[in-house]
N, C-alpha and C. Protein backbone atom coordinates (compact mmCIF):
# COMPACT_ATOMS: atom_id res chain seq x y z
N MET A 1 72.62 6.62 5.69
CA MET A 1 72.51 7.93 5.12
C MET A 1 73.97 7.91 5.36
N TYR A 2 74.46 8.73 4.22
CA TYR A 2 76.10 9.14 3.93
C TYR A 2 75.61 10.23 3.63
N ALA A 3 77.28 11.14 3.27
CA ALA A 3 77.08 12.05 2.92
C ALA A 3 78.55 11.72 2.39
N VAL A 4 79.38 12.71 1.31
CA VAL A 4 80.66 12.72 0.54
C VAL A 4 80.80 14.54 1.17
N ILE A 5 81.97 14.70 1.53
CA ILE A 5 82.31 16.43 1.86
C ILE A 5 83.40 17.24 1.56
N LYS A 6 83.74 17.47 1.13
CA LYS A 6 85.38 18.12 0.86
C LYS A 6 85.42 19.12 2.19
N SER A 7 86.87 18.48 2.73
CA SER A 7 87.68 19.85 3.70
C SER A 7 89.03 19.72 3.75
N GLY A 8 89.91 20.92 3.28
CA GLY A 8 91.66 20.64 2.90
C GLY A 8 91.44 19.87 1.69
N GLY A 9 90.69 20.05 0.76
CA GLY A 9 91.40 20.03 -0.73
C GLY A 9 91.07 18.64 -1.06
N LYS A 10 90.60 17.72 0.18
CA LYS A 10 90.08 16.27 0.50
C LYS A 10 88.75 16.13 0.21
N GLN A 11 88.55 14.35 -0.58
CA GLN A 11 87.33 13.96 0.11
C GLN A 11 87.09 13.24 0.60
N TYR A 12 85.87 13.15 1.82
CA TYR A 12 85.42 12.33 2.53
C TYR A 12 84.22 11.57 2.60
N ARG A 13 84.02 10.48 2.76
CA ARG A 13 82.48 9.79 3.02
C ARG A 13 82.65 9.90 4.31
N VAL A 14 81.13 10.60 5.06
CA VAL A 14 80.96 10.37 6.15
C VAL A 14 79.94 9.83 6.23
N ALA A 15 79.29 9.73 7.51
CA ALA A 15 78.26 9.06 8.17
C ALA A 15 77.89 9.58 9.60
N ALA A 16 76.53 9.63 10.03
CA ALA A 16 76.41 10.06 10.91
C ALA A 16 77.11 9.31 12.43
N GLU A 17 77.50 9.81 13.31
CA GLU A 17 78.61 9.20 14.66
C GLU A 17 79.89 9.00 14.02
N SER A 18 80.37 8.77 12.77
CA SER A 18 81.89 8.45 11.95
C SER A 18 82.76 9.81 12.73
N THR A 19 83.59 9.08 12.89
CA THR A 19 84.79 10.00 13.46
C THR A 19 86.11 9.96 12.41
N LEU A 20 86.43 11.12 12.41
CA LEU A 20 87.89 11.10 11.20
C LEU A 20 88.70 12.03 11.36
N ARG A 21 89.59 12.64 10.45
CA ARG A 21 90.78 13.10 10.63
C ARG A 21 91.19 14.04 9.67
N VAL A 22 91.01 15.27 9.58
CA VAL A 22 90.53 16.22 8.42
C VAL A 22 92.04 16.85 8.25
N GLU A 23 92.44 17.77 7.26
CA GLU A 23 93.52 18.99 7.43
C GLU A 23 92.71 19.66 8.64
N LYS A 24 94.16 20.94 9.69
CA LYS A 24 93.42 21.63 10.69
C LYS A 24 92.19 22.38 10.44
N LEU A 25 91.39 22.46 11.64
CA LEU A 25 90.16 23.62 11.25
C LEU A 25 90.24 24.39 12.91
N ALA A 26 90.26 25.79 12.18
CA ALA A 26 89.98 26.51 13.07
C ALA A 26 89.17 26.49 14.16
N GLY A 27 89.59 26.07 15.38
CA GLY A 27 87.96 26.06 16.83
C GLY A 27 88.88 25.22 18.19
N ASP A 28 88.52 25.06 19.19
CA ASP A 28 88.94 24.69 20.48
C ASP A 28 88.31 23.44 20.18
N VAL A 29 88.59 22.34 20.64
CA VAL A 29 87.93 20.78 21.40
C VAL A 29 86.66 20.90 21.97
N GLY A 30 85.97 20.83 21.24
CA GLY A 30 84.17 20.62 21.90
C GLY A 30 83.75 21.45 21.27
N ALA A 31 84.20 22.40 20.50
CA ALA A 31 82.98 23.17 19.44
C ALA A 31 82.74 22.81 18.71
N SER A 32 81.48 23.50 18.18
CA SER A 32 80.83 22.73 16.83
C SER A 32 81.07 23.51 15.35
N VAL A 33 81.37 22.46 14.39
CA VAL A 33 81.38 22.63 13.42
C VAL A 33 81.05 22.69 12.21
N ASP A 34 80.49 23.63 11.45
CA ASP A 34 79.27 23.14 10.15
C ASP A 34 80.24 23.11 9.09
N LEU A 35 79.61 21.79 8.02
CA LEU A 35 80.99 21.74 6.75
C LEU A 35 79.93 21.95 6.37
N THR A 36 80.04 22.66 5.19
CA THR A 36 79.20 23.28 3.88
C THR A 36 79.49 22.50 2.59
N GLU A 37 80.55 22.06 2.62
CA GLU A 37 80.91 21.83 1.21
C GLU A 37 80.51 20.66 0.53
N VAL A 38 79.23 20.30 0.93
CA VAL A 38 78.62 18.50 0.48
C VAL A 38 78.76 18.45 -1.60
N LEU A 39 79.20 17.36 -1.41
CA LEU A 39 79.40 16.90 -2.63
C LEU A 39 78.19 16.40 -3.05
N MET A 40 77.79 14.84 -2.25
CA MET A 40 76.90 14.52 -2.24
C MET A 40 75.95 13.68 -1.23
N VAL A 41 74.88 13.47 -1.93
CA VAL A 41 74.35 12.62 0.12
C VAL A 41 73.35 11.64 -0.14
N VAL A 42 73.24 10.47 0.21
CA VAL A 42 72.85 9.20 -0.06
C VAL A 42 71.86 9.11 0.87
N ASP A 43 70.60 9.04 0.60
CA ASP A 43 69.79 8.82 2.17
C ASP A 43 68.43 7.55 1.48
N GLY A 44 68.93 6.29 1.55
CA GLY A 44 68.08 4.85 1.28
C GLY A 44 68.21 5.56 -0.62
N ASP A 45 67.09 5.29 -1.21
CA ASP A 45 67.00 5.38 -2.71
C ASP A 45 67.33 6.82 -3.26
N ARG A 46 67.09 7.80 -2.00
CA ARG A 46 67.32 9.08 -3.00
C ARG A 46 68.74 9.65 -2.74
N ILE A 47 69.25 10.15 -3.89
CA ILE A 47 70.67 10.37 -4.46
C ILE A 47 70.78 11.62 -4.71
N GLU A 48 71.32 12.81 -4.01
CA GLU A 48 72.05 14.56 -4.31
C GLU A 48 72.97 14.40 -4.98
N VAL A 49 73.55 14.56 -5.65
CA VAL A 49 74.49 15.54 -6.15
C VAL A 49 74.58 16.77 -6.50
N GLY A 50 75.57 16.87 -6.13
CA GLY A 50 75.66 18.80 -6.08
C GLY A 50 76.74 18.84 -7.53
N TYR A 51 76.53 20.47 -8.37
CA TYR A 51 76.90 20.81 -9.48
C TYR A 51 77.99 22.17 -9.07
N PRO A 52 79.00 22.04 -8.40
CA PRO A 52 79.80 21.29 -7.52
C PRO A 52 79.34 20.69 -6.54
N VAL A 53 78.58 21.46 -5.67
CA VAL A 53 78.08 21.68 -4.45
C VAL A 53 76.64 21.46 -4.23
N LEU A 54 75.98 21.05 -2.73
CA LEU A 54 74.89 20.98 -2.83
C LEU A 54 73.81 22.10 -2.14
N GLU A 55 73.46 23.36 -2.39
CA GLU A 55 73.30 24.59 -1.84
C GLU A 55 72.61 23.89 -0.41
N GLY A 56 72.61 24.60 0.76
CA GLY A 56 71.61 24.39 1.17
C GLY A 56 72.04 22.97 2.52
N ALA A 57 73.09 22.68 1.94
CA ALA A 57 73.04 21.22 2.64
C ALA A 57 74.23 21.53 3.28
N LYS A 58 74.46 20.94 4.57
CA LYS A 58 75.71 20.66 5.77
C LYS A 58 75.56 19.71 6.11
N VAL A 59 77.08 19.42 6.72
CA VAL A 59 77.15 18.67 7.83
C VAL A 59 77.44 19.35 9.01
N GLU A 60 77.05 19.16 10.24
CA GLU A 60 77.35 19.12 11.78
C GLU A 60 78.15 18.28 12.30
N ALA A 61 79.59 18.73 12.90
CA ALA A 61 80.51 17.92 13.67
C ALA A 61 80.68 19.07 14.61
N LYS A 62 81.60 17.75 15.25
CA LYS A 62 82.09 18.76 16.85
C LYS A 62 83.22 18.02 16.62
N ILE A 63 84.44 19.03 17.23
CA ILE A 63 85.77 18.92 17.33
C ILE A 63 86.36 18.22 18.50
N THR A 64 87.00 16.61 18.23
CA THR A 64 87.19 15.85 19.13
C THR A 64 88.37 16.58 20.34
N ALA A 65 89.61 16.67 19.05
CA ALA A 65 90.91 16.48 19.30
C ALA A 65 91.80 17.53 18.49
N HIS A 66 92.96 17.83 18.47
CA HIS A 66 93.87 18.22 18.01
C HIS A 66 95.12 17.48 17.74
N GLY A 67 95.43 17.30 16.59
CA GLY A 67 97.16 16.27 16.87
C GLY A 67 97.96 16.89 15.57
N ARG A 68 99.25 15.83 15.64
CA ARG A 68 100.48 15.99 14.75
C ARG A 68 100.30 14.99 14.44
N GLY A 69 100.58 14.46 12.82
CA GLY A 69 101.19 12.93 12.46
C GLY A 69 101.83 12.76 12.83
N PRO A 70 102.51 11.70 12.10
CA PRO A 70 103.44 10.80 12.52
C PRO A 70 104.30 11.24 11.42
N LYS A 71 105.85 11.33 12.27
CA LYS A 71 107.12 12.03 10.89
C LYS A 71 107.30 11.81 9.74
N LEU A 72 106.72 12.43 8.97
CA LEU A 72 107.73 11.76 7.71
C LEU A 72 109.22 12.49 7.43
N ARG A 73 110.26 11.59 7.15
CA ARG A 73 111.45 11.87 6.49
C ARG A 73 111.56 11.74 4.91
N ILE A 74 112.04 13.61 4.82
CA ILE A 74 111.97 13.31 3.40
C ILE A 74 114.00 13.76 3.08
N VAL A 75 114.41 12.58 1.99
CA VAL A 75 116.01 12.07 2.19
C VAL A 75 116.45 12.82 0.93
N LYS A 76 116.82 13.62 0.84
CA LYS A 76 117.53 13.97 -0.98
C LYS A 76 119.11 13.70 -1.37
N PHE A 77 119.25 12.76 -2.04
CA PHE A 77 121.06 12.63 -2.02
C PHE A 77 121.06 12.14 -3.56
N LYS A 78 122.68 13.16 -3.76
CA LYS A 78 123.05 12.62 -5.09
C LYS A 78 124.80 11.47 -5.01
N ARG A 79 124.55 10.48 -5.84
CA ARG A 79 125.87 9.90 -5.93
C ARG A 79 127.15 10.68 -6.01
N ARG A 80 127.97 10.20 -5.51
CA ARG A 80 129.40 10.44 -6.04
C ARG A 80 130.01 12.57 -5.91
N LYS A 81 128.59 12.96 -5.63
CA LYS A 81 128.63 14.26 -5.91
C LYS A 81 128.87 15.18 -3.98
N HIS A 82 128.49 14.16 -3.05
CA HIS A 82 128.74 14.97 -1.31
C HIS A 82 127.80 15.47 -1.33
N TYR A 83 126.33 14.81 -1.83
CA TYR A 83 125.41 15.62 -1.48
C TYR A 83 124.37 15.07 -0.88
N ARG A 84 123.96 15.38 0.40
CA ARG A 84 122.89 14.56 1.06
C ARG A 84 122.13 15.71 2.17
N LYS A 85 120.88 15.64 1.89
CA LYS A 85 120.31 16.32 2.84
C LYS A 85 118.79 15.53 3.38
N GLN A 86 118.67 15.76 4.60
CA GLN A 86 117.60 15.42 5.50
C GLN A 86 116.66 16.44 6.14
N MET A 87 115.31 16.00 5.67
CA MET A 87 114.19 16.57 6.52
C MET A 87 112.94 16.11 7.01
N GLY A 88 112.44 16.87 8.20
CA GLY A 88 111.35 15.71 8.77
C GLY A 88 110.11 16.87 8.38
N HIS A 89 108.87 16.03 8.44
CA HIS A 89 108.08 17.09 8.37
C HIS A 89 106.49 16.11 9.54
N ARG A 90 105.45 16.69 10.21
CA ARG A 90 104.43 16.64 11.09
C ARG A 90 103.22 16.96 10.46
N GLN A 91 102.25 16.89 9.63
CA GLN A 91 101.54 17.13 9.85
C GLN A 91 99.71 17.30 10.45
N ASP A 92 99.80 18.85 10.64
CA ASP A 92 98.56 19.18 11.75
C ASP A 92 97.82 18.79 11.25
N PHE A 93 96.35 17.87 12.21
CA PHE A 93 94.98 17.01 11.98
C PHE A 93 94.20 17.76 12.48
N THR A 94 92.63 17.70 12.42
CA THR A 94 91.73 17.75 13.72
C THR A 94 91.16 16.57 13.23
N GLU A 95 90.34 15.86 14.26
CA GLU A 95 89.48 15.33 14.41
C GLU A 95 88.66 15.86 14.94
N ILE A 96 87.20 14.82 13.83
CA ILE A 96 86.48 15.50 14.40
C ILE A 96 84.93 14.17 14.13
N THR A 97 83.95 14.59 15.25
CA THR A 97 83.06 13.21 15.44
C THR A 97 81.87 13.82 14.47
N ILE A 98 80.81 13.13 13.53
CA ILE A 98 79.91 13.58 12.57
C ILE A 98 78.45 13.37 13.62
N ARG A 99 78.23 14.97 13.58
CA ARG A 99 76.71 14.68 14.55
C ARG A 99 75.69 14.36 13.75
N SER A 100 75.24 14.92 12.64
CA SER A 100 74.40 14.72 11.92
C SER A 100 74.65 15.60 9.97
N ILE A 101 74.11 14.80 9.06
CA ILE A 101 73.89 15.48 7.94
C ILE A 101 72.11 16.05 7.32
N GLN A 102 72.45 17.47 6.88
CA GLN A 102 71.05 18.00 6.68
C GLN A 102 71.12 18.29 5.10
N LEU A 103 69.68 18.17 4.54
CA LEU A 103 69.78 18.45 3.22
C LEU A 103 69.08 19.85 3.30
N ALA A 104 69.12 20.91 2.50
CA ALA A 104 68.13 22.25 2.50
C ALA A 104 66.70 21.59 2.16
N GLY A 105 66.04 20.11 1.52
CA GLY A 105 64.80 19.90 1.26
C GLY A 105 64.49 19.23 0.36
N PRO A 106 63.52 18.81 -0.40
CA PRO A 106 63.33 17.87 -1.28
C PRO A 106 63.38 19.25 -2.23
N PRO A 107 63.80 18.45 -3.74
CA PRO A 107 64.47 18.88 -5.01
C PRO A 107 62.99 19.75 -5.64
N PRO A 108 63.02 20.39 -6.34
CA PRO A 108 62.33 21.01 -7.05
C PRO A 108 61.30 19.39 -8.65
N ALA A 109 60.14 20.15 -8.21
CA ALA A 109 59.49 19.18 -9.69
C ALA A 109 60.02 19.96 -10.88
N GLY A 110 60.12 18.55 -11.79
CA GLY A 110 60.68 18.65 -12.83
C GLY A 110 62.00 19.64 -12.93
N LEU A 111 62.84 19.36 -12.72
CA LEU A 111 64.15 20.02 -12.36
C LEU A 111 65.18 18.79 -12.83
N ILE A 112 65.72 18.78 -13.96
CA ILE A 112 66.71 18.35 -14.55
C ILE A 112 67.68 18.38 -14.44
N PRO A 113 69.11 17.61 -13.64
CA PRO A 113 70.12 18.02 -13.90
C PRO A 113 70.88 17.74 -15.12
N PRO A 114 71.91 18.63 -15.33
CA PRO A 114 72.60 19.11 -16.90
C PRO A 114 73.47 17.42 -16.74
N ALA A 115 73.49 17.16 -18.33
CA ALA A 115 74.40 16.31 -18.80
C ALA A 115 75.85 16.22 -18.13
N LEU A 116 76.40 15.47 -17.46
CA LEU A 116 77.98 15.28 -17.17
C LEU A 116 79.28 14.99 -18.38
């Protein structure tokens, strides 16, 4: 079973007991967080796709660490103009471990999803 979630403007494919780095989340290390923006869940032959998110579905995760990524160097330069500018940036991240993926329940009978 795996799910596709949205966090920090990016989409991630997650499975139970997997670890990933997402944009910084509020919370202390060891705290539990529920990710409710679940876009898709696949469980064997059962595939649930949200329009755009699945109602009632959630992914439970545990915050394992906070940190900062590697330094990225930004260099702006114009030749023959005596213009040179250097900057750096380190992005904050939160490392989470996925505990479980939960669906809301079985889909209602006779429900046909709209065509894309």
